[in-house]
Amino acid sequence: MAVFLLRNGYELVVSEVEAVDVMINLAKGNVSQSELAVWLSNNSVAINIK
């Protein structure tokens, strides 16, 4: 996911532990697509790509 974000001009601003926890819960079905979208929106920032 981090690579996808970076290629699209964003980066996560959370710890690796939190990102892994979210991905594990997503895989388990404990996080919905809309919940992931909100989490990504709240935990990523735009970066300059040149």
N, C-alpha and C. Protein backbone atom coordinates (compact mmCIF):
# COMPACT_ATOMS: atom_id res chain seq x y z
N MET A 1 0.82 -1.18 0.00
CA MET A 1 0.00 0.00 0.00
C MET A 1 0.87 1.26 0.00
N ALA A 2 1.96 1.24 0.75
CA ALA A 2 2.82 2.42 0.81
C ALA A 2 3.38 2.76 -0.57
N VAL A 3 3.74 1.75 -1.35
CA VAL A 3 4.27 2.00 -2.69
C VAL A 3 3.20 2.65 -3.56
N PHE A 4 1.98 2.14 -3.50
CA PHE A 4 0.87 2.72 -4.26
C PHE A 4 0.68 4.18 -3.89
N LEU A 5 0.68 4.48 -2.62
CA LEU A 5 0.51 5.86 -2.17
C LEU A 5 1.65 6.74 -2.69
N LEU A 6 2.88 6.28 -2.53
CA LEU A 6 4.03 7.06 -2.99
C LEU A 6 3.98 7.32 -4.48
N ARG A 7 3.60 6.32 -5.26
CA ARG A 7 3.52 6.49 -6.71
C ARG A 7 2.43 7.47 -7.11
N ASN A 8 1.49 7.71 -6.19
CA ASN A 8 0.40 8.63 -6.47
C ASN A 8 0.51 9.93 -5.68
N GLY A 9 1.71 10.18 -5.12
CA GLY A 9 1.98 11.46 -4.49
C GLY A 9 1.56 11.59 -3.04
N TYR A 10 1.47 10.47 -2.33
CA TYR A 10 1.09 10.50 -0.91
C TYR A 10 2.02 9.60 -0.11
N GLU A 11 2.08 9.85 1.19
CA GLU A 11 2.78 8.94 2.07
C GLU A 11 2.03 8.81 3.38
N LEU A 12 2.17 7.65 4.01
CA LEU A 12 1.53 7.41 5.30
C LEU A 12 2.28 8.16 6.39
N VAL A 13 1.55 8.63 7.37
CA VAL A 13 2.16 9.33 8.50
C VAL A 13 1.78 8.62 9.80
N VAL A 14 1.88 7.29 9.77
CA VAL A 14 1.61 6.47 10.95
C VAL A 14 2.79 5.53 11.15
N SER A 15 2.84 4.92 12.32
CA SER A 15 3.91 3.97 12.58
C SER A 15 3.70 2.71 11.74
N GLU A 16 4.79 1.99 11.53
CA GLU A 16 4.71 0.73 10.80
C GLU A 16 3.80 -0.25 11.53
N VAL A 17 3.84 -0.23 12.85
CA VAL A 17 3.00 -1.12 13.66
C VAL A 17 1.52 -0.85 13.39
N GLU A 18 1.13 0.42 13.36
CA GLU A 18 -0.27 0.75 13.11
C GLU A 18 -0.69 0.36 11.70
N ALA A 19 0.18 0.61 10.72
CA ALA A 19 -0.15 0.25 9.34
C ALA A 19 -0.32 -1.26 9.20
N VAL A 20 0.56 -2.03 9.81
CA VAL A 20 0.45 -3.50 9.76
C VAL A 20 -0.83 -3.95 10.46
N ASP A 21 -1.15 -3.35 11.59
CA ASP A 21 -2.37 -3.71 12.32
C ASP A 21 -3.61 -3.48 11.46
N VAL A 22 -3.66 -2.36 10.75
CA VAL A 22 -4.79 -2.07 9.88
C VAL A 22 -4.86 -3.10 8.75
N MET A 23 -3.72 -3.44 8.16
CA MET A 23 -3.71 -4.41 7.06
C MET A 23 -4.14 -5.79 7.53
N ILE A 24 -3.71 -6.19 8.72
CA ILE A 24 -4.13 -7.49 9.27
C ILE A 24 -5.63 -7.50 9.49
N ASN A 25 -6.16 -6.43 10.06
CA ASN A 25 -7.59 -6.35 10.29
C ASN A 25 -8.38 -6.29 8.99
N LEU A 26 -7.81 -5.67 7.98
CA LEU A 26 -8.45 -5.65 6.67
C LEU A 26 -8.51 -7.07 6.10
N ALA A 27 -7.41 -7.80 6.20
CA ALA A 27 -7.36 -9.18 5.70
C ALA A 27 -8.33 -10.09 6.45
N LYS A 28 -8.52 -9.82 7.73
CA LYS A 28 -9.45 -10.62 8.54
C LYS A 28 -10.91 -10.26 8.30
N GLY A 29 -11.13 -9.17 7.57
CA GLY A 29 -12.49 -8.73 7.32
C GLY A 29 -13.05 -7.84 8.41
N ASN A 30 -12.18 -7.37 9.29
CA ASN A 30 -12.61 -6.51 10.40
C ASN A 30 -12.65 -5.03 10.02
N VAL A 31 -12.12 -4.70 8.85
CA VAL A 31 -12.10 -3.31 8.36
C VAL A 31 -12.75 -3.31 6.98
N SER A 32 -13.73 -2.45 6.80
CA SER A 32 -14.41 -2.37 5.50
C SER A 32 -13.62 -1.47 4.55
N GLN A 33 -14.00 -1.51 3.30
CA GLN A 33 -13.36 -0.66 2.30
C GLN A 33 -13.56 0.82 2.65
N SER A 34 -14.75 1.17 3.09
CA SER A 34 -15.00 2.57 3.43
C SER A 34 -14.23 2.98 4.69
N GLU A 35 -14.08 2.08 5.64
CA GLU A 35 -13.28 2.39 6.83
C GLU A 35 -11.81 2.57 6.46
N LEU A 36 -11.31 1.73 5.54
CA LEU A 36 -9.93 1.87 5.09
C LEU A 36 -9.74 3.21 4.38
N ALA A 37 -10.70 3.59 3.56
CA ALA A 37 -10.61 4.87 2.84
C ALA A 37 -10.53 6.03 3.83
N VAL A 38 -11.34 6.00 4.87
CA VAL A 38 -11.30 7.06 5.88
C VAL A 38 -9.96 7.06 6.60
N TRP A 39 -9.48 5.86 6.96
CA TRP A 39 -8.20 5.75 7.66
C TRP A 39 -7.07 6.31 6.79
N LEU A 40 -7.06 5.93 5.51
CA LEU A 40 -6.03 6.44 4.60
C LEU A 40 -6.11 7.96 4.46
N SER A 41 -7.30 8.48 4.35
CA SER A 41 -7.49 9.92 4.23
C SER A 41 -6.96 10.65 5.47
N ASN A 42 -7.20 10.06 6.63
CA ASN A 42 -6.77 10.69 7.88
C ASN A 42 -5.29 10.50 8.20
N ASN A 43 -4.65 9.53 7.53
CA ASN A 43 -3.29 9.16 7.91
C ASN A 43 -2.29 9.23 6.76
N SER A 44 -2.58 10.02 5.76
CA SER A 44 -1.63 10.22 4.66
C SER A 44 -1.58 11.70 4.29
N VAL A 45 -0.45 12.08 3.74
CA VAL A 45 -0.27 13.47 3.33
C VAL A 45 0.28 13.51 1.91
N ALA A 46 -0.05 14.58 1.20
CA ALA A 46 0.45 14.77 -0.16
C ALA A 46 1.93 15.14 -0.09
N ILE A 47 2.69 14.62 -1.05
CA ILE A 47 4.11 14.94 -1.15
C ILE A 47 4.40 15.42 -2.56
N ASN A 48 5.50 16.13 -2.72
CA ASN A 48 5.92 16.59 -4.05
C ASN A 48 6.70 15.47 -4.73
N ILE A 49 6.26 15.13 -5.93
CA ILE A 49 6.98 14.14 -6.75
C ILE A 49 7.51 14.87 -7.98
N LYS A 50 8.80 14.75 -8.21
CA LYS A 50 9.40 15.43 -9.37
C LYS A 50 9.98 14.42 -10.30
